[in-house]
Amino acid sequence: MKLFESHGATTYILELESDIEIRLARNKTPLRLAEKPTKRNIEWSERELLSSMEKYRLNSSPGEINHPNYLRINNTALAPEEVADQVIEYFDLV
């Protein structure tokens, strides 16, 4: 971000989070499989996701990110269009 900001760009941070059951289900959708070749081996992909969740912290802690253009959305029950609408409204991108 510093590189872009040093050249006058405005940066934004969007952090998405979702329940594990939803993440596993989304990994099997036709669009995800078409766009992400690594997801096509579903068994490996699921193991990798579960392993990563045990090994790493995949989301920030509350209050950890102090950036003027930061938004965190739990998209467990949201359609992609709803998330996009929230982002556009929050960051005033219209």
PDB file of N, CA and C in Angstrom:
ATOM      1  N   MET A   1       0.818  -1.188   0.000  1.00  0.00           N
ATOM      2  CA  MET A   1       0.000   0.000   0.000  1.00  0.00           C
ATOM      3  C   MET A   1       0.866   1.258   0.000  1.00  0.00           C
ATOM      4  N   LYS A   2       1.965   1.199   0.755  1.00  0.00           N
ATOM      5  CA  LYS A   2       2.827   2.385   0.829  1.00  0.00           C
ATOM      6  C   LYS A   2       3.350   2.785  -0.538  1.00  0.00           C
ATOM      7  N   LEU A   3       3.664   1.800  -1.365  1.00  0.00           N
ATOM      8  CA  LEU A   3       4.155   2.098  -2.708  1.00  0.00           C
ATOM      9  C   LEU A   3       3.112   2.871  -3.501  1.00  0.00           C
ATOM     10  N   PHE A   4       1.875   2.401  -3.487  1.00  0.00           N
ATOM     11  CA  PHE A   4       0.812   3.085  -4.219  1.00  0.00           C
ATOM     12  C   PHE A   4       0.517   4.451  -3.618  1.00  0.00           C
ATOM     13  N   GLU A   5       0.458   4.526  -2.295  1.00  0.00           N
ATOM     14  CA  GLU A   5       0.172   5.789  -1.628  1.00  0.00           C
ATOM     15  C   GLU A   5       1.290   6.806  -1.874  1.00  0.00           C
ATOM     16  N   SER A   6       2.532   6.329  -1.977  1.00  0.00           N
ATOM     17  CA  SER A   6       3.658   7.247  -2.226  1.00  0.00           C
ATOM     18  C   SER A   6       3.566   7.879  -3.613  1.00  0.00           C
ATOM     19  N   HIS A   7       2.751   7.290  -4.473  1.00  0.00           N
ATOM     20  CA  HIS A   7       2.529   7.844  -5.812  1.00  0.00           C
ATOM     21  C   HIS A   7       1.173   8.531  -5.924  1.00  0.00           C
ATOM     22  N   GLY A   8       0.561   8.808  -4.770  1.00  0.00           N
ATOM     23  CA  GLY A   8      -0.677   9.569  -4.753  1.00  0.00           C
ATOM     24  C   GLY A   8      -1.955   8.763  -4.846  1.00  0.00           C
ATOM     25  N   ALA A   9      -1.856   7.452  -4.853  1.00  0.00           N
ATOM     26  CA  ALA A   9      -3.055   6.624  -4.959  1.00  0.00           C
ATOM     27  C   ALA A   9      -3.769   6.525  -3.607  1.00  0.00           C
ATOM     28  N   THR A  10      -5.067   6.382  -3.682  1.00  0.00           N
ATOM     29  CA  THR A  10      -5.857   6.100  -2.493  1.00  0.00           C
ATOM     30  C   THR A  10      -5.995   4.593  -2.392  1.00  0.00           C
ATOM     31  N   THR A  11      -5.732   4.053  -1.216  1.00  0.00           N
ATOM     32  CA  THR A  11      -5.833   2.605  -1.030  1.00  0.00           C
ATOM     33  C   THR A  11      -7.026   2.271  -0.152  1.00  0.00           C
ATOM     34  N   TYR A  12      -7.542   1.079  -0.374  1.00  0.00           N
ATOM     35  CA  TYR A  12      -8.699   0.576   0.359  1.00  0.00           C
ATOM     36  C   TYR A  12      -8.393  -0.835   0.832  1.00  0.00           C
ATOM     37  N   ILE A  13      -8.883  -1.167   2.007  1.00  0.00           N
ATOM     38  CA  ILE A  13      -8.751  -2.527   2.522  1.00  0.00           C
ATOM     39  C   ILE A  13     -10.150  -3.076   2.731  1.00  0.00           C
ATOM     40  N   LEU A  14     -10.435  -4.172   2.065  1.00  0.00           N
ATOM     41  CA  LEU A  14     -11.699  -4.873   2.237  1.00  0.00           C
ATOM     42  C   LEU A  14     -11.378  -6.253   2.775  1.00  0.00           C
ATOM     43  N   GLU A  15     -11.856  -6.546   3.956  1.00  0.00           N
ATOM     44  CA  GLU A  15     -11.632  -7.847   4.577  1.00  0.00           C
ATOM     45  C   GLU A  15     -12.958  -8.593   4.602  1.00  0.00           C
ATOM     46  N   LEU A  16     -12.964  -9.732   3.938  1.00  0.00           N
ATOM     47  CA  LEU A  16     -14.162 -10.557   3.907  1.00  0.00           C
ATOM     48  C   LEU A  16     -13.977 -11.746   4.829  1.00  0.00           C
ATOM     49  N   GLU A  17     -15.030 -12.087   5.535  1.00  0.00           N
ATOM     50  CA  GLU A  17     -15.007 -13.276   6.374  1.00  0.00           C
ATOM     51  C   GLU A  17     -16.296 -14.039   6.174  1.00  0.00           C
ATOM     52  N   SER A  18     -16.216 -15.339   6.415  1.00  0.00           N
ATOM     53  CA  SER A  18     -17.371 -16.193   6.225  1.00  0.00           C
ATOM     54  C   SER A  18     -17.212 -17.433   7.084  1.00  0.00           C
ATOM     55  N   ASP A  19     -18.334 -18.030   7.456  1.00  0.00           N
ATOM     56  CA  ASP A  19     -18.308 -19.271   8.215  1.00  0.00           C
ATOM     57  C   ASP A  19     -17.649 -20.373   7.395  1.00  0.00           C
ATOM     58  N   ILE A  20     -17.006 -21.295   8.070  1.00  0.00           N
ATOM     59  CA  ILE A  20     -16.273 -22.358   7.387  1.00  0.00           C
ATOM     60  C   ILE A  20     -17.174 -23.217   6.505  1.00  0.00           C
ATOM     61  N   GLU A  21     -18.383 -23.503   6.963  1.00  0.00           N
ATOM     62  CA  GLU A  21     -19.291 -24.328   6.160  1.00  0.00           C
ATOM     63  C   GLU A  21     -19.595 -23.660   4.824  1.00  0.00           C
ATOM     64  N   ILE A  22     -19.780 -22.362   4.865  1.00  0.00           N
ATOM     65  CA  ILE A  22     -20.066 -21.596   3.644  1.00  0.00           C
ATOM     66  C   ILE A  22     -18.829 -21.558   2.752  1.00  0.00           C
ATOM     67  N   ARG A  23     -17.663 -21.363   3.332  1.00  0.00           N
ATOM     68  CA  ARG A  23     -16.434 -21.339   2.538  1.00  0.00           C
ATOM     69  C   ARG A  23     -16.215 -22.664   1.825  1.00  0.00           C
ATOM     70  N   LEU A  24     -16.449 -23.761   2.531  1.00  0.00           N
ATOM     71  CA  LEU A  24     -16.296 -25.074   1.909  1.00  0.00           C
ATOM     72  C   LEU A  24     -17.307 -25.271   0.777  1.00  0.00           C
ATOM     73  N   ALA A  25     -18.523 -24.833   0.987  1.00  0.00           N
ATOM     74  CA  ALA A  25     -19.549 -24.958  -0.063  1.00  0.00           C
ATOM     75  C   ALA A  25     -19.212 -24.081  -1.269  1.00  0.00           C
ATOM     76  N   ARG A  26     -18.747 -22.883  -1.029  1.00  0.00           N
ATOM     77  CA  ARG A  26     -18.406 -21.974  -2.131  1.00  0.00           C
ATOM     78  C   ARG A  26     -17.237 -22.494  -2.958  1.00  0.00           C
ATOM     79  N   ASN A  27     -16.344 -23.231  -2.326  1.00  0.00           N
ATOM     80  CA  ASN A  27     -15.197 -23.777  -3.047  1.00  0.00           C
ATOM     81  C   ASN A  27     -15.599 -24.785  -4.114  1.00  0.00           C
ATOM     82  N   LYS A  28     -16.842 -25.247  -4.067  1.00  0.00           N
ATOM     83  CA  LYS A  28     -17.305 -26.255  -5.029  1.00  0.00           C
ATOM     84  C   LYS A  28     -18.214 -25.679  -6.108  1.00  0.00           C
ATOM     85  N   THR A  29     -18.456 -24.381  -6.089  1.00  0.00           N
ATOM     86  CA  THR A  29     -19.368 -23.803  -7.069  1.00  0.00           C
ATOM     87  C   THR A  29     -18.731 -23.812  -8.461  1.00  0.00           C
ATOM     88  N   PRO A  30     -19.539 -23.936  -9.505  1.00  0.00           N
ATOM     89  CA  PRO A  30     -18.996 -23.982 -10.872  1.00  0.00           C
ATOM     90  C   PRO A  30     -18.116 -22.779 -11.220  1.00  0.00           C
ATOM     91  N   LEU A  31     -18.516 -21.580 -10.807  1.00  0.00           N
ATOM     92  CA  LEU A  31     -17.712 -20.396 -11.128  1.00  0.00           C
ATOM     93  C   LEU A  31     -16.354 -20.462 -10.457  1.00  0.00           C
ATOM     94  N   ARG A  32     -16.323 -20.828  -9.181  1.00  0.00           N
ATOM     95  CA  ARG A  32     -15.053 -20.923  -8.448  1.00  0.00           C
ATOM     96  C   ARG A  32     -14.149 -21.967  -9.095  1.00  0.00           C
ATOM     97  N   LEU A  33     -14.715 -23.105  -9.452  1.00  0.00           N
ATOM     98  CA  LEU A  33     -13.919 -24.163 -10.071  1.00  0.00           C
ATOM     99  C   LEU A  33     -13.406 -23.747 -11.450  1.00  0.00           C
ATOM    100  N   ALA A  34     -14.208 -22.988 -12.163  1.00  0.00           N
ATOM    101  CA  ALA A  34     -13.786 -22.536 -13.493  1.00  0.00           C
ATOM    102  C   ALA A  34     -12.675 -21.488 -13.409  1.00  0.00           C
ATOM    103  N   GLU A  35     -12.751 -20.625 -12.404  1.00  0.00           N
ATOM    104  CA  GLU A  35     -11.806 -19.504 -12.300  1.00  0.00           C
ATOM    105  C   GLU A  35     -10.546 -19.828 -11.516  1.00  0.00           C
ATOM    106  N   LYS A  36     -10.593 -20.831 -10.669  1.00  0.00           N
ATOM    107  CA  LYS A  36      -9.445 -21.149  -9.810  1.00  0.00           C
ATOM    108  C   LYS A  36      -9.042 -22.608  -9.985  1.00  0.00           C
ATOM    109  N   PRO A  37      -8.074 -22.860 -10.844  1.00  0.00           N
ATOM    110  CA  PRO A  37      -7.665 -24.240 -11.111  1.00  0.00           C
ATOM    111  C   PRO A  37      -7.270 -25.024  -9.855  1.00  0.00           C
ATOM    112  N   THR A  38      -6.683 -24.363  -8.863  1.00  0.00           N
ATOM    113  CA  THR A  38      -6.263 -25.085  -7.653  1.00  0.00           C
ATOM    114  C   THR A  38      -7.446 -25.626  -6.867  1.00  0.00           C
ATOM    115  N   LYS A  39      -8.625 -25.088  -7.079  1.00  0.00           N
ATOM    116  CA  LYS A  39      -9.817 -25.543  -6.357  1.00  0.00           C
ATOM    117  C   LYS A  39     -10.437 -26.790  -6.994  1.00  0.00           C
ATOM    118  N   ARG A  40      -9.996 -27.129  -8.191  1.00  0.00           N
ATOM    119  CA  ARG A  40     -10.626 -28.240  -8.913  1.00  0.00           C
ATOM    120  C   ARG A  40     -10.375 -29.590  -8.265  1.00  0.00           C
ATOM    121  N   ASN A  41      -9.281 -29.703  -7.538  1.00  0.00           N
ATOM    122  CA  ASN A  41      -9.054 -30.900  -6.737  1.00  0.00           C
ATOM    123  C   ASN A  41      -9.738 -30.620  -5.397  1.00  0.00           C
ATOM    124  N   ILE A  42     -11.012 -30.926  -5.333  1.00  0.00           N
ATOM    125  CA  ILE A  42     -11.839 -30.524  -4.192  1.00  0.00           C
ATOM    126  C   ILE A  42     -11.326 -31.104  -2.885  1.00  0.00           C
ATOM    127  N   GLU A  43     -10.945 -32.357  -2.889  1.00  0.00           N
ATOM    128  CA  GLU A  43     -10.450 -32.974  -1.653  1.00  0.00           C
ATOM    129  C   GLU A  43      -9.220 -32.240  -1.130  1.00  0.00           C
ATOM    130  N   TRP A  44      -8.263 -31.955  -2.009  1.00  0.00           N
ATOM    131  CA  TRP A  44      -7.062 -31.233  -1.615  1.00  0.00           C
ATOM    132  C   TRP A  44      -7.414 -29.827  -1.145  1.00  0.00           C
ATOM    133  N   SER A  45      -8.279 -29.160  -1.898  1.00  0.00           N
ATOM    134  CA  SER A  45      -8.668 -27.792  -1.582  1.00  0.00           C
ATOM    135  C   SER A  45      -9.314 -27.699  -0.199  1.00  0.00           C
ATOM    136  N   GLU A  46     -10.197 -28.632   0.111  1.00  0.00           N
ATOM    137  CA  GLU A  46     -10.844 -28.622   1.428  1.00  0.00           C
ATOM    138  C   GLU A  46      -9.834 -28.880   2.538  1.00  0.00           C
ATOM    139  N   ARG A  47      -8.953 -29.833   2.316  1.00  0.00           N
ATOM    140  CA  ARG A  47      -7.913 -30.112   3.316  1.00  0.00           C
ATOM    141  C   ARG A  47      -7.034 -28.887   3.542  1.00  0.00           C
ATOM    142  N   GLU A  48      -6.667 -28.227   2.451  1.00  0.00           N
ATOM    143  CA  GLU A  48      -5.818 -27.038   2.527  1.00  0.00           C
ATOM    144  C   GLU A  48      -6.500 -25.915   3.299  1.00  0.00           C
ATOM    145  N   LEU A  49      -7.772 -25.693   3.035  1.00  0.00           N
ATOM    146  CA  LEU A  49      -8.515 -24.655   3.746  1.00  0.00           C
ATOM    147  C   LEU A  49      -8.584 -24.966   5.238  1.00  0.00           C
ATOM    148  N   LEU A  50      -8.945 -26.183   5.582  1.00  0.00           N
ATOM    149  CA  LEU A  50      -9.051 -26.560   6.989  1.00  0.00           C
ATOM    150  C   LEU A  50      -7.695 -26.500   7.682  1.00  0.00           C
ATOM    151  N   SER A  51      -6.667 -26.927   6.994  1.00  0.00           N
ATOM    152  CA  SER A  51      -5.319 -26.869   7.552  1.00  0.00           C
ATOM    153  C   SER A  51      -4.876 -25.424   7.769  1.00  0.00           C
ATOM    154  N   SER A  52      -5.151 -24.573   6.804  1.00  0.00           N
ATOM    155  CA  SER A  52      -4.788 -23.162   6.928  1.00  0.00           C
ATOM    156  C   SER A  52      -5.490 -22.505   8.104  1.00  0.00           C
ATOM    157  N   MET A  53      -6.737 -22.894   8.326  1.00  0.00           N
ATOM    158  CA  MET A  53      -7.488 -22.308   9.438  1.00  0.00           C
ATOM    159  C   MET A  53      -6.907 -22.723  10.783  1.00  0.00           C
ATOM    160  N   GLU A  54      -6.374 -23.931  10.845  1.00  0.00           N
ATOM    161  CA  GLU A  54      -5.748 -24.385  12.086  1.00  0.00           C
ATOM    162  C   GLU A  54      -4.380 -23.749  12.294  1.00  0.00           C
ATOM    163  N   LYS A  55      -3.670 -23.553  11.208  1.00  0.00           N
ATOM    164  CA  LYS A  55      -2.288 -23.108  11.254  1.00  0.00           C
ATOM    165  C   LYS A  55      -2.140 -21.587  11.327  1.00  0.00           C
ATOM    166  N   TYR A  56      -3.016 -20.870  10.649  1.00  0.00           N
ATOM    167  CA  TYR A  56      -2.895 -19.420  10.508  1.00  0.00           C
ATOM    168  C   TYR A  56      -4.149 -18.713  10.999  1.00  0.00           C
ATOM    169  N   ARG A  57      -3.989 -17.447  11.280  1.00  0.00           N
ATOM    170  CA  ARG A  57      -5.127 -16.592  11.568  1.00  0.00           C
ATOM    171  C   ARG A  57      -5.505 -15.941  10.247  1.00  0.00           C
ATOM    172  N   LEU A  58      -6.692 -16.215   9.748  1.00  0.00           N
ATOM    173  CA  LEU A  58      -7.075 -15.766   8.412  1.00  0.00           C
ATOM    174  C   LEU A  58      -7.780 -14.417   8.393  1.00  0.00           C
ATOM    175  N   ASN A  59      -8.153 -13.918   9.545  1.00  0.00           N
ATOM    176  CA  ASN A  59      -8.773 -12.604   9.627  1.00  0.00           C
ATOM    177  C   ASN A  59      -8.107 -11.792  10.733  1.00  0.00           C
ATOM    178  N   SER A  60      -8.219 -10.489  10.606  1.00  0.00           N
ATOM    179  CA  SER A  60      -7.636  -9.614  11.618  1.00  0.00           C
ATOM    180  C   SER A  60      -8.461  -9.673  12.901  1.00  0.00           C
ATOM    181  N   SER A  61      -7.837  -9.239  13.969  1.00  0.00           N
ATOM    182  CA  SER A  61      -8.553  -9.102  15.242  1.00  0.00           C
ATOM    183  C   SER A  61      -9.273  -7.760  15.247  1.00  0.00           C
ATOM    184  N   PRO A  62     -10.390  -7.661  15.981  1.00  0.00           N
ATOM    185  CA  PRO A  62     -11.099  -6.377  16.047  1.00  0.00           C
ATOM    186  C   PRO A  62     -10.159  -5.253  16.482  1.00  0.00           C
ATOM    187  N   GLY A  63     -10.188  -4.162  15.739  1.00  0.00           N
ATOM    188  CA  GLY A  63      -9.373  -2.996  16.043  1.00  0.00           C
ATOM    189  C   GLY A  63      -7.925  -3.103  15.591  1.00  0.00           C
ATOM    190  N   GLU A  64      -7.536  -4.204  15.006  1.00  0.00           N
ATOM    191  CA  GLU A  64      -6.142  -4.407  14.614  1.00  0.00           C
ATOM    192  C   GLU A  64      -5.731  -3.547  13.415  1.00  0.00           C
ATOM    193  N   ILE A  65      -6.627  -3.370  12.486  1.00  0.00           N
ATOM    194  CA  ILE A  65      -6.305  -2.599  11.282  1.00  0.00           C
ATOM    195  C   ILE A  65      -6.796  -1.173  11.471  1.00  0.00           C
ATOM    196  N   ASN A  66      -5.840  -0.268  11.455  1.00  0.00           N
ATOM    197  CA  ASN A  66      -6.151   1.148  11.621  1.00  0.00           C
ATOM    198  C   ASN A  66      -5.826   1.853  10.303  1.00  0.00           C
ATOM    199  N   HIS A  67      -6.794   1.868   9.430  1.00  0.00           N
ATOM    200  CA  HIS A  67      -6.626   2.485   8.105  1.00  0.00           C
ATOM    201  C   HIS A  67      -7.908   3.238   7.813  1.00  0.00           C
ATOM    202  N   PRO A  68      -7.799   4.451   7.280  1.00  0.00           N
ATOM    203  CA  PRO A  68      -9.020   5.241   7.057  1.00  0.00           C
ATOM    204  C   PRO A  68     -10.007   4.608   6.073  1.00  0.00           C
ATOM    205  N   ASN A  69      -9.524   3.776   5.181  1.00  0.00           N
ATOM    206  CA  ASN A  69     -10.388   3.151   4.184  1.00  0.00           C
ATOM    207  C   ASN A  69     -10.413   1.643   4.386  1.00  0.00           C
ATOM    208  N   TYR A  70     -10.866   1.230   5.547  1.00  0.00           N
ATOM    209  CA  TYR A  70     -10.931  -0.185   5.894  1.00  0.00           C
ATOM    210  C   TYR A  70     -12.376  -0.590   6.153  1.00  0.00           C
ATOM    211  N   LEU A  71     -12.752  -1.728   5.600  1.00  0.00           N
ATOM    212  CA  LEU A  71     -14.097  -2.270   5.816  1.00  0.00           C
ATOM    213  C   LEU A  71     -14.000  -3.776   5.953  1.00  0.00           C
ATOM    214  N   ARG A  72     -14.667  -4.287   6.971  1.00  0.00           N
ATOM    215  CA  ARG A  72     -14.736  -5.742   7.181  1.00  0.00           C
ATOM    216  C   ARG A  72     -16.196  -6.153   7.032  1.00  0.00           C
ATOM    217  N   ILE A  73     -16.425  -7.180   6.220  1.00  0.00           N
ATOM    218  CA  ILE A  73     -17.785  -7.658   5.976  1.00  0.00           C
ATOM    219  C   ILE A  73     -17.830  -9.157   6.215  1.00  0.00           C
ATOM    220  N   ASN A  74     -18.776  -9.590   7.037  1.00  0.00           N
ATOM    221  CA  ASN A  74     -19.059 -11.011   7.149  1.00  0.00           C
ATOM    222  C   ASN A  74     -20.074 -11.307   6.051  1.00  0.00           C
ATOM    223  N   ASN A  75     -19.623 -12.028   5.037  1.00  0.00           N
ATOM    224  CA  ASN A  75     -20.479 -12.275   3.871  1.00  0.00           C
ATOM    225  C   ASN A  75     -21.107 -13.670   3.883  1.00  0.00           C
ATOM    226  N   THR A  76     -21.194 -14.279   5.072  1.00  0.00           N
ATOM    227  CA  THR A  76     -21.750 -15.619   5.194  1.00  0.00           C
ATOM    228  C   THR A  76     -23.127 -15.718   4.543  1.00  0.00           C
ATOM    229  N   ALA A  77     -23.985 -14.750   4.818  1.00  0.00           N
ATOM    230  CA  ALA A  77     -25.363 -14.821   4.328  1.00  0.00           C
ATOM    231  C   ALA A  77     -25.649 -13.785   3.242  1.00  0.00           C
ATOM    232  N   LEU A  78     -24.603 -13.288   2.597  1.00  0.00           N
ATOM    233  CA  LEU A  78     -24.789 -12.241   1.599  1.00  0.00           C
ATOM    234  C   LEU A  78     -24.448 -12.729   0.199  1.00  0.00           C
ATOM    235  N   ALA A  79     -25.210 -12.267  -0.759  1.00  0.00           N
ATOM    236  CA  ALA A  79     -24.898 -12.514  -2.172  1.00  0.00           C
ATOM    237  C   ALA A  79     -23.766 -11.567  -2.576  1.00  0.00           C
ATOM    238  N   PRO A  80     -22.985 -11.938  -3.579  1.00  0.00           N
ATOM    239  CA  PRO A  80     -21.895 -11.061  -4.026  1.00  0.00           C
ATOM    240  C   PRO A  80     -22.355  -9.640  -4.353  1.00  0.00           C
ATOM    241  N   GLU A  81     -23.548  -9.516  -4.921  1.00  0.00           N
ATOM    242  CA  GLU A  81     -24.065  -8.188  -5.268  1.00  0.00           C
ATOM    243  C   GLU A  81     -24.314  -7.343  -4.014  1.00  0.00           C
ATOM    244  N   GLU A  82     -24.755  -7.994  -2.938  1.00  0.00           N
ATOM    245  CA  GLU A  82     -24.984  -7.276  -1.681  1.00  0.00           C
ATOM    246  C   GLU A  82     -23.664  -6.774  -1.098  1.00  0.00           C
ATOM    247  N   VAL A  83     -22.646  -7.603  -1.175  1.00  0.00           N
ATOM    248  CA  VAL A  83     -21.326  -7.197  -0.689  1.00  0.00           C
ATOM    249  C   VAL A  83     -20.819  -6.018  -1.514  1.00  0.00           C
ATOM    250  N   ALA A  84     -20.947  -6.118  -2.826  1.00  0.00           N
ATOM    251  CA  ALA A  84     -20.504  -5.035  -3.708  1.00  0.00           C
ATOM    252  C   ALA A  84     -21.240  -3.742  -3.387  1.00  0.00           C
ATOM    253  N   ASP A  85     -22.539  -3.808  -3.153  1.00  0.00           N
ATOM    254  CA  ASP A  85     -23.308  -2.617  -2.807  1.00  0.00           C
ATOM    255  C   ASP A  85     -22.809  -2.000  -1.506  1.00  0.00           C
ATOM    256  N   GLN A  86     -22.507  -2.838  -0.514  1.00  0.00           N
ATOM    257  CA  GLN A  86     -21.992  -2.329   0.764  1.00  0.00           C
ATOM    258  C   GLN A  86     -20.641  -1.627   0.571  1.00  0.00           C
ATOM    259  N   VAL A  87     -19.791  -2.227  -0.240  1.00  0.00           N
ATOM    260  CA  VAL A  87     -18.472  -1.644  -0.495  1.00  0.00           C
ATOM    261  C   VAL A  87     -18.610  -0.301  -1.196  1.00  0.00           C
ATOM    262  N   ILE A  88     -19.428  -0.252  -2.214  1.00  0.00           N
ATOM    263  CA  ILE A  88     -19.625   0.997  -2.971  1.00  0.00           C
ATOM    264  C   ILE A  88     -20.173   2.083  -2.058  1.00  0.00           C
ATOM    265  N   GLU A  89     -21.140   1.739  -1.233  1.00  0.00           N
ATOM    266  CA  GLU A  89     -21.730   2.733  -0.322  1.00  0.00           C
ATOM    267  C   GLU A  89     -20.739   3.178   0.743  1.00  0.00           C
ATOM    268  N   TYR A  90     -20.065   2.235   1.373  1.00  0.00           N
ATOM    269  CA  TYR A  90     -19.153   2.560   2.473  1.00  0.00           C
ATOM    270  C   TYR A  90     -17.996   3.455   2.003  1.00  0.00           C
ATOM    271  N   PHE A  91     -17.420   3.110   0.870  1.00  0.00           N
ATOM    272  CA  PHE A  91     -16.286   3.858   0.363  1.00  0.00           C
ATOM    273  C   PHE A  91     -16.704   5.018  -0.550  1.00  0.00           C
ATOM    274  N   ASP A  92     -18.008   5.220  -0.675  1.00  0.00           N
ATOM    275  CA  ASP A  92     -18.553   6.309  -1.500  1.00  0.00           C
ATOM    276  C   ASP A  92     -17.962   6.270  -2.912  1.00  0.00           C
ATOM    277  N   LEU A  93     -18.124   5.129  -3.557  1.00  0.00           N
ATOM    278  CA  LEU A  93     -17.515   4.910  -4.874  1.00  0.00           C
ATOM    279  C   LEU A  93     -18.472   5.145  -6.045  1.00  0.00           C
ATOM    280  N   VAL A  94     -19.574   5.788  -5.810  1.00  0.00           N
ATOM    281  CA  VAL A  94     -20.517   6.053  -6.905  1.00  0.00           C
ATOM    282  C   VAL A  94     -20.192   7.338  -7.608  1.00  0.00           C
TER     283      VAL A  94
END
